[in-house]
Amino acid sequence: MPKVIYVSAAGASTEVDAPVGTTVMAAALKNGVEGILAECGGVCMCSTCHVFVDEKFLGLIPAAQDTEEAVLEIAAIERRPNSRLSCQIKVTEELNGLVVHLPEKQR
């Protein structure tokens, strides 16, 4: 099962097993990862699952769609080139070891 590593703004890491096909957001919620609020439940409407994807994994994730791009504009922390909504990243075998950094705040 692929692993996803969540790194808090303070630098603490949490590694979780994430079934293929689940989202990075859902894996965080299931495993009690702090820093992912997911207020809209994963429907790409609130930006409270904003993460910064480690650069080496960006090419393995499909590009953000227009809705995600628009929602990232309202994120609590200014977006970066590697900003994504974790509800829009589906776990694949190729993403084993995916590292996502959590912003200081989500709202």
Protein backbone atom coordinates (compact mmCIF):
# COMPACT_ATOMS: atom_id res chain seq x y z
CA MET A 1 0.00 0.00 0.00
CA PRO A 2 1.41 3.43 -0.87
CA LYS A 3 2.60 5.68 1.90
CA VAL A 4 1.91 9.41 2.17
CA ILE A 5 4.05 11.58 4.41
CA TYR A 6 2.45 14.72 5.85
CA VAL A 7 4.85 17.34 7.20
CA SER A 8 3.45 19.93 9.57
CA ALA A 9 4.43 23.59 9.39
CA ALA A 10 6.59 22.90 12.47
CA GLY A 11 8.40 20.09 10.65
CA ALA A 12 6.82 17.05 12.32
CA SER A 13 6.20 14.14 9.94
CA THR A 14 3.30 11.69 9.97
CA GLU A 15 3.46 8.70 7.60
CA VAL A 16 0.27 6.85 6.74
CA ASP A 17 -0.74 3.95 4.53
CA ALA A 18 -3.12 5.20 1.84
CA PRO A 19 -5.10 2.77 -0.30
CA VAL A 20 -4.81 3.25 -4.04
CA GLY A 21 -7.74 5.34 -5.29
CA THR A 22 -8.31 7.23 -2.04
CA THR A 23 -7.43 10.90 -1.86
CA VAL A 24 -4.57 12.40 0.09
CA MET A 25 -7.22 14.30 2.07
CA ALA A 26 -9.25 11.19 2.94
CA ALA A 27 -6.12 9.34 4.06
CA ALA A 28 -5.23 12.27 6.35
CA LEU A 29 -8.70 12.37 7.90
CA LYS A 30 -8.85 8.59 8.40
CA ASN A 31 -5.51 8.65 10.18
CA GLY A 32 -6.07 11.75 12.30
CA VAL A 33 -3.46 13.92 10.62
CA GLU A 34 -3.73 17.40 12.10
CA GLY A 35 -3.75 20.34 9.71
CA ILE A 36 -6.20 18.99 7.12
CA LEU A 37 -9.66 20.34 7.98
CA ALA A 38 -11.58 19.35 4.84
CA GLU A 39 -14.62 21.42 5.76
CA CYS A 40 -16.38 20.76 2.45
CA GLY A 41 -15.81 17.02 2.67
CA GLY A 42 -13.62 16.83 -0.39
CA VAL A 43 -15.74 18.46 -3.07
CA CYS A 44 -13.20 21.13 -4.01
CA MET A 45 -15.07 24.07 -2.51
CA CYS A 46 -13.28 25.36 0.59
CA SER A 47 -9.46 25.15 0.37
CA THR A 48 -9.14 23.76 3.92
CA CYS A 49 -7.18 20.78 2.61
CA HIS A 50 -4.50 22.93 0.98
CA VAL A 51 -1.05 21.30 0.82
CA PHE A 52 2.31 21.99 -0.76
CA VAL A 53 3.39 18.98 -2.80
CA ASP A 54 7.06 18.07 -2.67
CA GLU A 55 8.60 19.14 -5.98
CA LYS A 56 9.76 15.65 -6.97
CA PHE A 57 6.15 14.40 -7.05
CA LEU A 58 4.57 17.26 -9.01
CA GLY A 59 5.11 15.56 -12.38
CA LEU A 60 3.30 12.44 -11.14
CA ILE A 61 0.08 14.27 -10.30
CA PRO A 62 -2.39 15.39 -12.96
CA ALA A 63 -2.58 19.14 -13.43
CA ALA A 64 -5.11 21.07 -11.37
CA GLN A 65 -8.44 21.68 -13.08
CA ASP A 66 -10.03 25.15 -13.28
CA THR A 67 -12.19 24.65 -10.18
CA GLU A 68 -9.21 23.66 -8.05
CA GLU A 69 -7.22 26.62 -9.38
CA ALA A 70 -10.05 28.98 -8.40
CA VAL A 71 -10.44 27.49 -4.92
CA LEU A 72 -6.70 27.75 -4.27
CA GLU A 73 -7.04 31.51 -4.75
CA ILE A 74 -9.07 31.70 -1.51
CA ALA A 75 -6.67 29.60 0.59
CA ALA A 76 -5.72 31.03 3.99
CA ILE A 77 -2.03 30.86 3.14
CA GLU A 78 -0.85 32.33 -0.15
CA ARG A 79 -0.58 29.71 -2.82
CA ARG A 80 2.74 28.60 -4.24
CA PRO A 81 3.60 26.87 -7.53
CA ASN A 82 3.33 23.51 -5.72
CA SER A 83 0.01 24.28 -3.99
CA ARG A 84 -2.73 21.71 -4.41
CA LEU A 85 -5.94 20.69 -2.71
CA SER A 86 -5.37 17.28 -1.16
CA CYS A 87 -8.96 16.29 -1.99
CA GLN A 88 -7.98 16.40 -5.66
CA ILE A 89 -4.91 14.14 -5.41
CA LYS A 90 -5.74 10.45 -5.82
CA VAL A 91 -3.23 8.02 -4.43
CA THR A 92 -1.55 5.74 -6.98
CA GLU A 93 1.26 3.20 -6.66
CA GLU A 94 3.53 5.74 -8.37
CA LEU A 95 2.90 8.19 -5.53
CA ASN A 96 4.32 5.83 -2.89
CA GLY A 97 6.34 8.04 -0.54
CA LEU A 98 4.48 11.22 -1.54
CA VAL A 99 5.46 14.10 0.72
CA VAL A 100 3.04 16.95 1.30
CA HIS A 101 3.76 19.95 3.50
CA LEU A 102 0.91 21.47 5.47
CA PRO A 103 0.43 25.24 5.69
CA GLU A 104 0.51 27.05 9.04
CA LYS A 105 -3.25 27.47 8.91
CA GLN A 106 -6.20 26.44 6.73
CA ARG A 107 -8.64 29.28 7.45
